[in-house]
Amino acid sequence: MPDQTVEEKVIDTLVGVRPYLQQDGGDVEFVDFSEQTGILRVRLTGACKTCPMSAMTLRAGIERVLRKAVPEIKRVEAVQ
């Protein structure tokens, strides 16, 4: 929807991503978005938090999907 905020677009997009992470006991949560830098911060939880492949999941999976759905995002970073 064109009237959605970036946060709303991110949350809606994460709804589609989360089931894949949850299959393996993980999850992802929205933390915040900086309009000035275009950086979206998310928190990986569950199995994703300690998985050695989490960086690849973040870049090749979560970031790719989010940047396609929400053009305002320039980069996605994971925080604790």
C-alpha atoms as a PDB file:
ATOM      1  CA  MET A   1       0.000   0.000   0.000  1.00  0.00           C
ATOM      2  CA  PRO A   2       1.401   3.404  -0.931  1.00  0.00           C
ATOM      3  CA  ASP A   3       0.346   5.067   2.336  1.00  0.00           C
ATOM      4  CA  GLN A   4       2.312   2.653   4.519  1.00  0.00           C
ATOM      5  CA  THR A   5       5.315   3.828   6.494  1.00  0.00           C
ATOM      6  CA  VAL A   6       8.662   2.100   5.968  1.00  0.00           C
ATOM      7  CA  GLU A   7       8.181   0.336   9.307  1.00  0.00           C
ATOM      8  CA  GLU A   8       4.778  -1.005   8.222  1.00  0.00           C
ATOM      9  CA  LYS A   9       6.208  -2.210   4.893  1.00  0.00           C
ATOM     10  CA  VAL A  10       9.078  -3.941   6.697  1.00  0.00           C
ATOM     11  CA  ILE A  11       6.782  -5.647   9.182  1.00  0.00           C
ATOM     12  CA  ASP A  12       4.449  -6.796   6.388  1.00  0.00           C
ATOM     13  CA  THR A  13       7.412  -8.176   4.431  1.00  0.00           C
ATOM     14  CA  LEU A  14       8.815  -9.956   7.493  1.00  0.00           C
ATOM     15  CA  VAL A  15       5.483 -11.765   7.867  1.00  0.00           C
ATOM     16  CA  GLY A  16       6.364 -13.579   4.641  1.00  0.00           C
ATOM     17  CA  VAL A  17       9.972 -14.298   5.647  1.00  0.00           C
ATOM     18  CA  ARG A  18       9.419 -15.437   9.227  1.00  0.00           C
ATOM     19  CA  PRO A  19       7.844 -18.863   8.505  1.00  0.00           C
ATOM     20  CA  TYR A  20      11.032 -19.983   6.734  1.00  0.00           C
ATOM     21  CA  LEU A  21      13.140 -19.019   9.728  1.00  0.00           C
ATOM     22  CA  GLN A  22      10.650 -20.488  12.179  1.00  0.00           C
ATOM     23  CA  GLN A  23      10.865 -23.865  10.426  1.00  0.00           C
ATOM     24  CA  ASP A  24      14.404 -24.122  11.763  1.00  0.00           C
ATOM     25  CA  GLY A  25      13.631 -22.697  15.207  1.00  0.00           C
ATOM     26  CA  GLY A  26      14.656 -19.114  14.439  1.00  0.00           C
ATOM     27  CA  ASP A  27      12.960 -15.788  13.889  1.00  0.00           C
ATOM     28  CA  VAL A  28      13.583 -12.149  13.013  1.00  0.00           C
ATOM     29  CA  GLU A  29      12.214  -8.974  14.619  1.00  0.00           C
ATOM     30  CA  PHE A  30      12.084  -5.359  13.425  1.00  0.00           C
ATOM     31  CA  VAL A  31      14.204  -3.065  15.633  1.00  0.00           C
ATOM     32  CA  ASP A  32      14.357   0.284  13.817  1.00  0.00           C
ATOM     33  CA  PHE A  33      14.947   2.057  10.512  1.00  0.00           C
ATOM     34  CA  SER A  34      17.000   5.197   9.883  1.00  0.00           C
ATOM     35  CA  GLU A  35      15.609   7.333   7.068  1.00  0.00           C
ATOM     36  CA  GLN A  36      18.889   9.299   6.999  1.00  0.00           C
ATOM     37  CA  THR A  37      21.126   6.286   6.325  1.00  0.00           C
ATOM     38  CA  GLY A  38      18.660   3.772   4.886  1.00  0.00           C
ATOM     39  CA  ILE A  39      19.835   1.204   7.446  1.00  0.00           C
ATOM     40  CA  LEU A  40      17.288  -1.235   8.813  1.00  0.00           C
ATOM     41  CA  ARG A  41      18.182  -2.959  12.064  1.00  0.00           C
ATOM     42  CA  VAL A  42      16.684  -6.340  12.889  1.00  0.00           C
ATOM     43  CA  ARG A  43      17.181  -8.832  15.697  1.00  0.00           C
ATOM     44  CA  LEU A  44      17.708 -12.500  14.914  1.00  0.00           C
ATOM     45  CA  THR A  45      16.263 -14.733  17.623  1.00  0.00           C
ATOM     46  CA  GLY A  46      16.021 -18.399  18.491  1.00  0.00           C
ATOM     47  CA  ALA A  47      18.248 -20.690  16.455  1.00  0.00           C
ATOM     48  CA  CYS A  48      19.107 -17.845  14.062  1.00  0.00           C
ATOM     49  CA  LYS A  49      20.818 -15.946  16.869  1.00  0.00           C
ATOM     50  CA  THR A  50      23.534 -18.576  17.303  1.00  0.00           C
ATOM     51  CA  CYS A  51      23.581 -20.175  13.851  1.00  0.00           C
ATOM     52  CA  PRO A  52      26.944 -19.987  12.044  1.00  0.00           C
ATOM     53  CA  MET A  53      25.027 -19.366   8.792  1.00  0.00           C
ATOM     54  CA  SER A  54      23.114 -16.373  10.184  1.00  0.00           C
ATOM     55  CA  ALA A  55      25.217 -13.822   8.273  1.00  0.00           C
ATOM     56  CA  MET A  56      24.414 -15.572   5.005  1.00  0.00           C
ATOM     57  CA  THR A  57      20.731 -15.841   5.944  1.00  0.00           C
ATOM     58  CA  LEU A  58      20.715 -12.131   6.713  1.00  0.00           C
ATOM     59  CA  ARG A  59      22.388 -11.044   3.451  1.00  0.00           C
ATOM     60  CA  ALA A  60      21.185 -13.602   0.894  1.00  0.00           C
ATOM     61  CA  GLY A  61      17.726 -14.067   2.339  1.00  0.00           C
ATOM     62  CA  ILE A  62      16.319 -11.399   4.608  1.00  0.00           C
ATOM     63  CA  GLU A  63      18.132  -8.365   3.156  1.00  0.00           C
ATOM     64  CA  ARG A  64      17.477  -9.378  -0.462  1.00  0.00           C
ATOM     65  CA  VAL A  65      13.733  -9.788   0.137  1.00  0.00           C
ATOM     66  CA  LEU A  66      13.419  -6.600   2.201  1.00  0.00           C
ATOM     67  CA  ARG A  67      15.375  -4.399  -0.230  1.00  0.00           C
ATOM     68  CA  LYS A  68      13.217  -5.599  -3.110  1.00  0.00           C
ATOM     69  CA  ALA A  69       9.974  -4.921  -1.206  1.00  0.00           C
ATOM     70  CA  VAL A  70      11.080  -1.692   0.495  1.00  0.00           C
ATOM     71  CA  PRO A  71      13.328   0.394  -1.807  1.00  0.00           C
ATOM     72  CA  GLU A  72      14.132   2.878   0.971  1.00  0.00           C
ATOM     73  CA  ILE A  73      16.317   0.216   2.628  1.00  0.00           C
ATOM     74  CA  LYS A  74      19.991   0.437   1.672  1.00  0.00           C
ATOM     75  CA  ARG A  75      21.336  -2.133   4.128  1.00  0.00           C
ATOM     76  CA  VAL A  76      20.091  -4.522   6.820  1.00  0.00           C
ATOM     77  CA  GLU A  77      22.081  -5.038  10.008  1.00  0.00           C
ATOM     78  CA  ALA A  78      21.534  -7.534  12.795  1.00  0.00           C
ATOM     79  CA  VAL A  79      21.712  -6.304  16.385  1.00  0.00           C
ATOM     80  CA  GLN A  80      21.687  -8.152  19.717  1.00  0.00           C
END
